[in-house]
Amino acid sequence: MAVVLVARWVAKEGNEDAVRDALREVARASREEEGNLAYQPFQDSEEPRVFQIFEMYRDDAALKAHGESAHFAEWVLERAVPLLEARERHVYTALDA
């Protein structure tokens, strides 16, 4: 079954542009991963420091591989996380009807 990750990031004041740029890069690279089914970041239209990220992977192994990828290390851990005030992650199992 597919695995869904929903994340909420809040950028530190003044870092919205850099966080948005990092999300664009990690989204582009993540969509190329073999086990990735979807990767879509969003920026709140009323509060531009707030970002939501919707990710879907084929299975737990694909999600794990994403977290161990070079592009995740560079764009998320090295570039974006230091610019964040808050970061939440929630993982779900997709219900297939």
PDB file of N, CA and C in Angstrom:
ATOM      1  N   MET A   1       0.826  -1.195   0.000  1.00  0.00           N
ATOM      2  CA  MET A   1       0.000   0.000   0.000  1.00  0.00           C
ATOM      3  C   MET A   1       0.867   1.254   0.000  1.00  0.00           C
ATOM      4  N   ALA A   2       0.336   2.270  -0.601  1.00  0.00           N
ATOM      5  CA  ALA A   2       1.058   3.534  -0.692  1.00  0.00           C
ATOM      6  C   ALA A   2       1.177   4.195   0.679  1.00  0.00           C
ATOM      7  N   VAL A   3       2.256   4.942   0.840  1.00  0.00           N
ATOM      8  CA  VAL A   3       2.533   5.675   2.067  1.00  0.00           C
ATOM      9  C   VAL A   3       2.480   7.164   1.738  1.00  0.00           C
ATOM     10  N   VAL A   4       1.770   7.915   2.580  1.00  0.00           N
ATOM     11  CA  VAL A   4       1.619   9.357   2.388  1.00  0.00           C
ATOM     12  C   VAL A   4       2.304  10.080   3.531  1.00  0.00           C
ATOM     13  N   LEU A   5       3.064  11.100   3.194  1.00  0.00           N
ATOM     14  CA  LEU A   5       3.682  11.956   4.195  1.00  0.00           C
ATOM     15  C   LEU A   5       3.140  13.364   3.974  1.00  0.00           C
ATOM     16  N   VAL A   6       2.634  13.959   5.036  1.00  0.00           N
ATOM     17  CA  VAL A   6       2.166  15.339   4.992  1.00  0.00           C
ATOM     18  C   VAL A   6       3.021  16.123   5.981  1.00  0.00           C
ATOM     19  N   ALA A   7       3.663  17.161   5.491  1.00  0.00           N
ATOM     20  CA  ALA A   7       4.543  17.967   6.338  1.00  0.00           C
ATOM     21  C   ALA A   7       4.070  19.409   6.349  1.00  0.00           C
ATOM     22  N   ARG A   8       4.317  20.065   7.455  1.00  0.00           N
ATOM     23  CA  ARG A   8       4.027  21.500   7.589  1.00  0.00           C
ATOM     24  C   ARG A   8       5.305  22.172   8.055  1.00  0.00           C
ATOM     25  N   TRP A   9       5.742  23.162   7.300  1.00  0.00           N
ATOM     26  CA  TRP A   9       6.936  23.920   7.640  1.00  0.00           C
ATOM     27  C   TRP A   9       6.547  25.369   7.861  1.00  0.00           C
ATOM     28  N   VAL A  10       7.184  25.995   8.835  1.00  0.00           N
ATOM     29  CA  VAL A  10       7.035  27.430   9.044  1.00  0.00           C
ATOM     30  C   VAL A  10       8.426  28.037   8.953  1.00  0.00           C
ATOM     31  N   ALA A  11       8.605  28.898   7.963  1.00  0.00           N
ATOM     32  CA  ALA A  11       9.903  29.551   7.765  1.00  0.00           C
ATOM     33  C   ALA A  11      10.102  30.642   8.802  1.00  0.00           C
ATOM     34  N   LYS A  12      11.346  30.822   9.216  1.00  0.00           N
ATOM     35  CA  LYS A  12      11.680  31.968  10.050  1.00  0.00           C
ATOM     36  C   LYS A  12      11.429  33.235   9.235  1.00  0.00           C
ATOM     37  N   GLU A  13      11.066  34.283   9.929  1.00  0.00           N
ATOM     38  CA  GLU A  13      10.788  35.572   9.281  1.00  0.00           C
ATOM     39  C   GLU A  13      11.905  35.948   8.309  1.00  0.00           C
ATOM     40  N   GLY A  14      11.515  36.285   7.087  1.00  0.00           N
ATOM     41  CA  GLY A  14      12.480  36.709   6.084  1.00  0.00           C
ATOM     42  C   GLY A  14      13.111  35.592   5.275  1.00  0.00           C
ATOM     43  N   ASN A  15      12.774  34.342   5.570  1.00  0.00           N
ATOM     44  CA  ASN A  15      13.380  33.203   4.868  1.00  0.00           C
ATOM     45  C   ASN A  15      12.419  32.488   3.920  1.00  0.00           C
ATOM     46  N   GLU A  16      11.277  33.105   3.667  1.00  0.00           N
ATOM     47  CA  GLU A  16      10.266  32.467   2.826  1.00  0.00           C
ATOM     48  C   GLU A  16      10.788  32.130   1.430  1.00  0.00           C
ATOM     49  N   ASP A  17      11.494  33.053   0.812  1.00  0.00           N
ATOM     50  CA  ASP A  17      11.978  32.833  -0.551  1.00  0.00           C
ATOM     51  C   ASP A  17      12.977  31.681  -0.618  1.00  0.00           C
ATOM     52  N   ALA A  18      13.887  31.631   0.327  1.00  0.00           N
ATOM     53  CA  ALA A  18      14.890  30.561   0.329  1.00  0.00           C
ATOM     54  C   ALA A  18      14.251  29.205   0.585  1.00  0.00           C
ATOM     55  N   VAL A  19      13.270  29.147   1.476  1.00  0.00           N
ATOM     56  CA  VAL A  19      12.574  27.880   1.752  1.00  0.00           C
ATOM     57  C   VAL A  19      11.780  27.457   0.512  1.00  0.00           C
ATOM     58  N   ARG A  20      11.093  28.394  -0.117  1.00  0.00           N
ATOM     59  CA  ARG A  20      10.338  28.093  -1.340  1.00  0.00           C
ATOM     60  C   ARG A  20      11.271  27.558  -2.425  1.00  0.00           C
ATOM     61  N   ASP A  21      12.442  28.167  -2.582  1.00  0.00           N
ATOM     62  CA  ASP A  21      13.403  27.705  -3.591  1.00  0.00           C
ATOM     63  C   ASP A  21      13.893  26.296  -3.281  1.00  0.00           C
ATOM     64  N   ALA A  22      14.171  26.021  -2.020  1.00  0.00           N
ATOM     65  CA  ALA A  22      14.614  24.680  -1.627  1.00  0.00           C
ATOM     66  C   ALA A  22      13.518  23.653  -1.902  1.00  0.00           C
ATOM     67  N   LEU A  23      12.278  24.008  -1.603  1.00  0.00           N
ATOM     68  CA  LEU A  23      11.164  23.079  -1.862  1.00  0.00           C
ATOM     69  C   LEU A  23      10.999  22.809  -3.351  1.00  0.00           C
ATOM     70  N   ARG A  24      11.173  23.802  -4.169  1.00  0.00           N
ATOM     71  CA  ARG A  24      11.087  23.586  -5.618  1.00  0.00           C
ATOM     72  C   ARG A  24      12.142  22.593  -6.085  1.00  0.00           C
ATOM     73  N   GLU A  25      13.352  22.722  -5.559  1.00  0.00           N
ATOM     74  CA  GLU A  25      14.441  21.827  -5.967  1.00  0.00           C
ATOM     75  C   GLU A  25      14.230  20.404  -5.461  1.00  0.00           C
ATOM     76  N   VAL A  26      13.849  20.269  -4.206  1.00  0.00           N
ATOM     77  CA  VAL A  26      13.648  18.912  -3.683  1.00  0.00           C
ATOM     78  C   VAL A  26      12.433  18.264  -4.342  1.00  0.00           C
ATOM     79  N   ALA A  27      11.413  19.033  -4.672  1.00  0.00           N
ATOM     80  CA  ALA A  27      10.246  18.479  -5.368  1.00  0.00           C
ATOM     81  C   ALA A  27      10.657  17.946  -6.736  1.00  0.00           C
ATOM     82  N   ARG A  28      11.413  18.747  -7.471  1.00  0.00           N
ATOM     83  CA  ARG A  28      11.866  18.331  -8.796  1.00  0.00           C
ATOM     84  C   ARG A  28      12.645  17.015  -8.725  1.00  0.00           C
ATOM     85  N   ALA A  29      13.585  16.940  -7.814  1.00  0.00           N
ATOM     86  CA  ALA A  29      14.416  15.736  -7.686  1.00  0.00           C
ATOM     87  C   ALA A  29      13.614  14.553  -7.145  1.00  0.00           C
ATOM     88  N   SER A  30      12.727  14.807  -6.206  1.00  0.00           N
ATOM     89  CA  SER A  30      11.949  13.723  -5.586  1.00  0.00           C
ATOM     90  C   SER A  30      11.004  13.071  -6.582  1.00  0.00           C
ATOM     91  N   ARG A  31      10.454  13.856  -7.492  1.00  0.00           N
ATOM     92  CA  ARG A  31       9.546  13.301  -8.505  1.00  0.00           C
ATOM     93  C   ARG A  31      10.249  12.329  -9.440  1.00  0.00           C
ATOM     94  N   GLU A  32      11.582  12.378  -9.470  1.00  0.00           N
ATOM     95  CA  GLU A  32      12.367  11.463 -10.297  1.00  0.00           C
ATOM     96  C   GLU A  32      12.658  10.139  -9.587  1.00  0.00           C
ATOM     97  N   GLU A  33      12.401  10.056  -8.288  1.00  0.00           N
ATOM     98  CA  GLU A  33      12.667   8.832  -7.542  1.00  0.00           C
ATOM     99  C   GLU A  33      11.754   7.710  -8.040  1.00  0.00           C
ATOM    100  N   GLU A  34      12.316   6.517  -8.127  1.00  0.00           N
ATOM    101  CA  GLU A  34      11.564   5.376  -8.632  1.00  0.00           C
ATOM    102  C   GLU A  34      10.285   5.116  -7.835  1.00  0.00           C
ATOM    103  N   GLY A  35      10.336   5.226  -6.513  1.00  0.00           N
ATOM    104  CA  GLY A  35       9.190   4.902  -5.674  1.00  0.00           C
ATOM    105  C   GLY A  35       8.273   6.069  -5.358  1.00  0.00           C
ATOM    106  N   ASN A  36       8.546   7.238  -5.935  1.00  0.00           N
ATOM    107  CA  ASN A  36       7.716   8.411  -5.658  1.00  0.00           C
ATOM    108  C   ASN A  36       6.502   8.428  -6.568  1.00  0.00           C
ATOM    109  N   LEU A  37       5.327   8.604  -5.970  1.00  0.00           N
ATOM    110  CA  LEU A  37       4.078   8.695  -6.729  1.00  0.00           C
ATOM    111  C   LEU A  37       3.594  10.135  -6.851  1.00  0.00           C
ATOM    112  N   ALA A  38       3.970  10.974  -5.890  1.00  0.00           N
ATOM    113  CA  ALA A  38       3.578  12.390  -5.918  1.00  0.00           C
ATOM    114  C   ALA A  38       4.436  13.166  -4.928  1.00  0.00           C
ATOM    115  N   TYR A  39       4.745  14.388  -5.284  1.00  0.00           N
ATOM    116  CA  TYR A  39       5.458  15.295  -4.373  1.00  0.00           C
ATOM    117  C   TYR A  39       5.007  16.702  -4.726  1.00  0.00           C
ATOM    118  N   GLN A  40       4.191  17.304  -3.861  1.00  0.00           N
ATOM    119  CA  GLN A  40       3.644  18.621  -4.157  1.00  0.00           C
ATOM    120  C   GLN A  40       3.733  19.541  -2.944  1.00  0.00           C
ATOM    121  N   PRO A  41       4.610  20.541  -3.002  1.00  0.00           N
ATOM    122  CA  PRO A  41       4.644  21.548  -1.935  1.00  0.00           C
ATOM    123  C   PRO A  41       3.645  22.665  -2.240  1.00  0.00           C
ATOM    124  N   PHE A  42       3.162  23.289  -1.172  1.00  0.00           N
ATOM    125  CA  PHE A  42       2.219  24.398  -1.271  1.00  0.00           C
ATOM    126  C   PHE A  42       2.693  25.509  -0.341  1.00  0.00           C
ATOM    127  N   GLN A  43       2.425  26.750  -0.718  1.00  0.00           N
ATOM    128  CA  GLN A  43       2.702  27.891   0.148  1.00  0.00           C
ATOM    129  C   GLN A  43       1.377  28.554   0.483  1.00  0.00           C
ATOM    130  N   ASP A  44       1.160  28.837   1.757  1.00  0.00           N
ATOM    131  CA  ASP A  44      -0.083  29.448   2.216  1.00  0.00           C
ATOM    132  C   ASP A  44      -0.227  30.835   1.583  1.00  0.00           C
ATOM    133  N   SER A  45      -1.367  31.089   0.956  1.00  0.00           N
ATOM    134  CA  SER A  45      -1.561  32.366   0.265  1.00  0.00           C
ATOM    135  C   SER A  45      -1.790  33.527   1.223  1.00  0.00           C
ATOM    136  N   GLU A  46      -2.198  33.230   2.455  1.00  0.00           N
ATOM    137  CA  GLU A  46      -2.416  34.302   3.432  1.00  0.00           C
ATOM    138  C   GLU A  46      -1.256  34.470   4.409  1.00  0.00           C
ATOM    139  N   GLU A  47      -0.505  33.415   4.623  1.00  0.00           N
ATOM    140  CA  GLU A  47       0.652  33.464   5.518  1.00  0.00           C
ATOM    141  C   GLU A  47       1.831  32.836   4.782  1.00  0.00           C
ATOM    142  N   PRO A  48       2.590  33.618   4.030  1.00  0.00           N
ATOM    143  CA  PRO A  48       3.624  33.068   3.157  1.00  0.00           C
ATOM    144  C   PRO A  48       4.776  32.366   3.860  1.00  0.00           C
ATOM    145  N   ARG A  49       4.854  32.450   5.166  1.00  0.00           N
ATOM    146  CA  ARG A  49       5.902  31.702   5.882  1.00  0.00           C
ATOM    147  C   ARG A  49       5.511  30.241   6.073  1.00  0.00           C
ATOM    148  N   VAL A  50       4.253  29.890   5.806  1.00  0.00           N
ATOM    149  CA  VAL A  50       3.751  28.538   6.060  1.00  0.00           C
ATOM    150  C   VAL A  50       3.707  27.738   4.753  1.00  0.00           C
ATOM    151  N   PHE A  51       4.275  26.547   4.810  1.00  0.00           N
ATOM    152  CA  PHE A  51       4.318  25.635   3.666  1.00  0.00           C
ATOM    153  C   PHE A  51       3.728  24.287   4.080  1.00  0.00           C
ATOM    154  N   GLN A  52       3.019  23.664   3.178  1.00  0.00           N
ATOM    155  CA  GLN A  52       2.528  22.295   3.353  1.00  0.00           C
ATOM    156  C   GLN A  52       3.151  21.472   2.232  1.00  0.00           C
ATOM    157  N   ILE A  53       3.489  20.239   2.544  1.00  0.00           N
ATOM    158  CA  ILE A  53       4.085  19.351   1.548  1.00  0.00           C
ATOM    159  C   ILE A  53       3.319  18.037   1.573  1.00  0.00           C
ATOM    160  N   PHE A  54       2.834  17.618   0.403  1.00  0.00           N
ATOM    161  CA  PHE A  54       2.137  16.350   0.251  1.00  0.00           C
ATOM    162  C   PHE A  54       3.034  15.434  -0.565  1.00  0.00           C
ATOM    163  N   GLU A  55       3.345  14.275   0.014  1.00  0.00           N
ATOM    164  CA  GLU A  55       4.212  13.310  -0.653  1.00  0.00           C
ATOM    165  C   GLU A  55       3.539  11.948  -0.633  1.00  0.00           C
ATOM    166  N   MET A  56       3.687  11.194  -1.713  1.00  0.00           N
ATOM    167  CA  MET A  56       3.162   9.831  -1.742  1.00  0.00           C
ATOM    168  C   MET A  56       4.211   8.909  -2.347  1.00  0.00           C
ATOM    169  N   TYR A  57       4.426   7.786  -1.674  1.00  0.00           N
ATOM    170  CA  TYR A  57       5.432   6.813  -2.090  1.00  0.00           C
ATOM    171  C   TYR A  57       4.792   5.442  -2.249  1.00  0.00           C
ATOM    172  N   ARG A  58       5.396   4.633  -3.079  1.00  0.00           N
ATOM    173  CA  ARG A  58       4.902   3.282  -3.357  1.00  0.00           C
ATOM    174  C   ARG A  58       4.768   2.450  -2.089  1.00  0.00           C
ATOM    175  N   ASP A  59       5.742   2.585  -1.175  1.00  0.00           N
ATOM    176  CA  ASP A  59       5.744   1.785   0.040  1.00  0.00           C
ATOM    177  C   ASP A  59       6.721   2.400   1.047  1.00  0.00           C
ATOM    178  N   ASP A  60       6.839   1.763   2.214  1.00  0.00           N
ATOM    179  CA  ASP A  60       7.737   2.264   3.266  1.00  0.00           C
ATOM    180  C   ASP A  60       9.188   2.336   2.799  1.00  0.00           C
ATOM    181  N   ALA A  61       9.606   1.362   1.998  1.00  0.00           N
ATOM    182  CA  ALA A  61      10.993   1.349   1.514  1.00  0.00           C
ATOM    183  C   ALA A  61      11.271   2.565   0.635  1.00  0.00           C
ATOM    184  N   ALA A  62      10.299   2.954  -0.180  1.00  0.00           N
ATOM    185  CA  ALA A  62      10.480   4.130  -1.046  1.00  0.00           C
ATOM    186  C   ALA A  62      10.562   5.411  -0.218  1.00  0.00           C
ATOM    187  N   LEU A  63       9.755   5.504   0.832  1.00  0.00           N
ATOM    188  CA  LEU A  63       9.830   6.667   1.727  1.00  0.00           C
ATOM    189  C   LEU A  63      11.188   6.709   2.420  1.00  0.00           C
ATOM    190  N   LYS A  64      11.659   5.563   2.864  1.00  0.00           N
ATOM    191  CA  LYS A  64      12.968   5.493   3.518  1.00  0.00           C
ATOM    192  C   LYS A  64      14.081   5.904   2.539  1.00  0.00           C
ATOM    193  N   ALA A  65      13.995   5.437   1.315  1.00  0.00           N
ATOM    194  CA  ALA A  65      15.000   5.786   0.304  1.00  0.00           C
ATOM    195  C   ALA A  65      14.996   7.295   0.044  1.00  0.00           C
ATOM    196  N   HIS A  66      13.817   7.891   0.035  1.00  0.00           N
ATOM    197  CA  HIS A  66      13.722   9.343  -0.148  1.00  0.00           C
ATOM    198  C   HIS A  66      14.484  10.070   0.964  1.00  0.00           C
ATOM    199  N   GLY A  67      14.254   9.652   2.203  1.00  0.00           N
ATOM    200  CA  GLY A  67      14.907  10.282   3.347  1.00  0.00           C
ATOM    201  C   GLY A  67      16.411  10.089   3.381  1.00  0.00           C
ATOM    202  N   GLU A  68      16.911   9.114   2.628  1.00  0.00           N
ATOM    203  CA  GLU A  68      18.343   8.838   2.577  1.00  0.00           C
ATOM    204  C   GLU A  68      18.999   9.368   1.296  1.00  0.00           C
ATOM    205  N   SER A  69      18.224  10.052   0.459  1.00  0.00           N
ATOM    206  CA  SER A  69      18.743  10.522  -0.822  1.00  0.00           C
ATOM    207  C   SER A  69      19.653  11.739  -0.653  1.00  0.00           C
ATOM    208  N   ALA A  70      20.524  11.921  -1.614  1.00  0.00           N
ATOM    209  CA  ALA A  70      21.442  13.067  -1.600  1.00  0.00           C
ATOM    210  C   ALA A  70      20.683  14.379  -1.733  1.00  0.00           C
ATOM    211  N   HIS A  71      19.639  14.404  -2.561  1.00  0.00           N
ATOM    212  CA  HIS A  71      18.896  15.657  -2.728  1.00  0.00           C
ATOM    213  C   HIS A  71      18.113  16.019  -1.469  1.00  0.00           C
ATOM    214  N   PHE A  72      17.646  15.030  -0.711  1.00  0.00           N
ATOM    215  CA  PHE A  72      16.971  15.312   0.558  1.00  0.00           C
ATOM    216  C   PHE A  72      17.969  15.912   1.548  1.00  0.00           C
ATOM    217  N   ALA A  73      19.153  15.317   1.621  1.00  0.00           N
ATOM    218  CA  ALA A  73      20.186  15.831   2.526  1.00  0.00           C
ATOM    219  C   ALA A  73      20.546  17.270   2.176  1.00  0.00           C
ATOM    220  N   GLU A  74      20.741  17.533   0.882  1.00  0.00           N
ATOM    221  CA  GLU A  74      21.157  18.879   0.473  1.00  0.00           C
ATOM    222  C   GLU A  74      20.040  19.909   0.634  1.00  0.00           C
ATOM    223  N   TRP A  75      18.883  19.671   0.015  1.00  0.00           N
ATOM    224  CA  TRP A  75      17.845  20.700  -0.056  1.00  0.00           C
ATOM    225  C   TRP A  75      16.984  20.806   1.192  1.00  0.00           C
ATOM    226  N   VAL A  76      16.790  19.692   1.891  1.00  0.00           N
ATOM    227  CA  VAL A  76      15.957  19.744   3.102  1.00  0.00           C
ATOM    228  C   VAL A  76      16.830  19.931   4.335  1.00  0.00           C
ATOM    229  N   LEU A  77      17.692  18.969   4.617  1.00  0.00           N
ATOM    230  CA  LEU A  77      18.450  19.001   5.868  1.00  0.00           C
ATOM    231  C   LEU A  77      19.475  20.138   5.931  1.00  0.00           C
ATOM    232  N   GLU A  78      20.209  20.348   4.834  1.00  0.00           N
ATOM    233  CA  GLU A  78      21.270  21.358   4.858  1.00  0.00           C
ATOM    234  C   GLU A  78      20.763  22.771   4.581  1.00  0.00           C
ATOM    235  N   ARG A  79      19.837  22.910   3.634  1.00  0.00           N
ATOM    236  CA  ARG A  79      19.427  24.255   3.221  1.00  0.00           C
ATOM    237  C   ARG A  79      18.150  24.744   3.891  1.00  0.00           C
ATOM    238  N   ALA A  80      17.093  23.928   3.911  1.00  0.00           N
ATOM    239  CA  ALA A  80      15.798  24.406   4.408  1.00  0.00           C
ATOM    240  C   ALA A  80      15.654  24.346   5.918  1.00  0.00           C
ATOM    241  N   VAL A  81      15.979  23.220   6.530  1.00  0.00           N
ATOM    242  CA  VAL A  81      15.728  23.046   7.975  1.00  0.00           C
ATOM    243  C   VAL A  81      16.344  24.157   8.822  1.00  0.00           C
ATOM    244  N   PRO A  82      17.562  24.609   8.550  1.00  0.00           N
ATOM    245  CA  PRO A  82      18.101  25.708   9.370  1.00  0.00           C
ATOM    246  C   PRO A  82      17.305  27.015   9.258  1.00  0.00           C
ATOM    247  N   LEU A  83      16.474  27.132   8.224  1.00  0.00           N
ATOM    248  CA  LEU A  83      15.692  28.350   8.002  1.00  0.00           C
ATOM    249  C   LEU A  83      14.271  28.242   8.555  1.00  0.00           C
ATOM    250  N   LEU A  84      13.978  27.113   9.222  1.00  0.00           N
ATOM    251  CA  LEU A  84      12.618  26.879   9.698  1.00  0.00           C
ATOM    252  C   LEU A  84      12.462  27.208  11.174  1.00  0.00           C
ATOM    253  N   GLU A  85      11.302  27.728  11.491  1.00  0.00           N
ATOM    254  CA  GLU A  85      10.886  27.978  12.868  1.00  0.00           C
ATOM    255  C   GLU A  85      10.208  26.732  13.434  1.00  0.00           C
ATOM    256  N   ALA A  86       9.504  25.991  12.569  1.00  0.00           N
ATOM    257  CA  ALA A  86       8.790  24.785  12.990  1.00  0.00           C
ATOM    258  C   ALA A  86       8.715  23.811  11.822  1.00  0.00           C
ATOM    259  N   ARG A  87       8.680  22.518  12.164  1.00  0.00           N
ATOM    260  CA  ARG A  87       8.592  21.456  11.150  1.00  0.00           C
ATOM    261  C   ARG A  87       7.826  20.292  11.762  1.00  0.00           C
ATOM    262  N   GLU A  88       6.718  19.916  11.123  1.00  0.00           N
ATOM    263  CA  GLU A  88       5.917  18.757  11.564  1.00  0.00           C
ATOM    264  C   GLU A  88       5.823  17.767  10.410  1.00  0.00           C
ATOM    265  N   ARG A  89       5.787  16.488  10.756  1.00  0.00           N
ATOM    266  CA  ARG A  89       5.639  15.432   9.756  1.00  0.00           C
ATOM    267  C   ARG A  89       4.621  14.430  10.256  1.00  0.00           C
ATOM    268  N   HIS A  90       3.742  13.983   9.356  1.00  0.00           N
ATOM    269  CA  HIS A  90       2.766  12.951   9.684  1.00  0.00           C
ATOM    270  C   HIS A  90       2.756  11.940   8.540  1.00  0.00           C
ATOM    271  N   VAL A  91       2.843  10.658   8.893  1.00  0.00           N
ATOM    272  CA  VAL A  91       2.883   9.598   7.896  1.00  0.00           C
ATOM    273  C   VAL A  91       1.591   8.792   7.990  1.00  0.00           C
ATOM    274  N   TYR A  92       1.011   8.494   6.831  1.00  0.00           N
ATOM    275  CA  TYR A  92      -0.246   7.767   6.745  1.00  0.00           C
ATOM    276  C   TYR A  92      -0.106   6.619   5.770  1.00  0.00           C
ATOM    277  N   THR A  93      -0.951   5.627   5.913  1.00  0.00           N
ATOM    278  CA  THR A  93      -1.074   4.549   4.926  1.00  0.00           C
ATOM    279  C   THR A  93      -2.318   4.850   4.104  1.00  0.00           C
ATOM    280  N   ALA A  94      -2.150   4.865   2.785  1.00  0.00           N
ATOM    281  CA  ALA A  94      -3.285   5.143   1.897  1.00  0.00           C
ATOM    282  C   ALA A  94      -4.292   4.001   1.987  1.00  0.00           C
ATOM    283  N   LEU A  95      -5.556   4.359   2.026  1.00  0.00           N
ATOM    284  CA  LEU A  95      -6.634   3.375   2.037  1.00  0.00           C
ATOM    285  C   LEU A  95      -7.087   3.156   0.602  1.00  0.00           C
ATOM    286  N   ASP A  96      -6.877   1.954   0.110  1.00  0.00           N
ATOM    287  CA  ASP A  96      -7.298   1.649  -1.244  1.00  0.00           C
ATOM    288  C   ASP A  96      -8.730   1.155  -1.213  1.00  0.00           C
ATOM    289  N   ALA A  97      -9.590   1.818  -1.952  1.00  0.00           N
ATOM    290  CA  ALA A  97     -11.011   1.435  -1.976  1.00  0.00           C
ATOM    291  C   ALA A  97     -11.246   0.336  -2.971  1.00  0.00           C
TER     292      ALA A  97
END
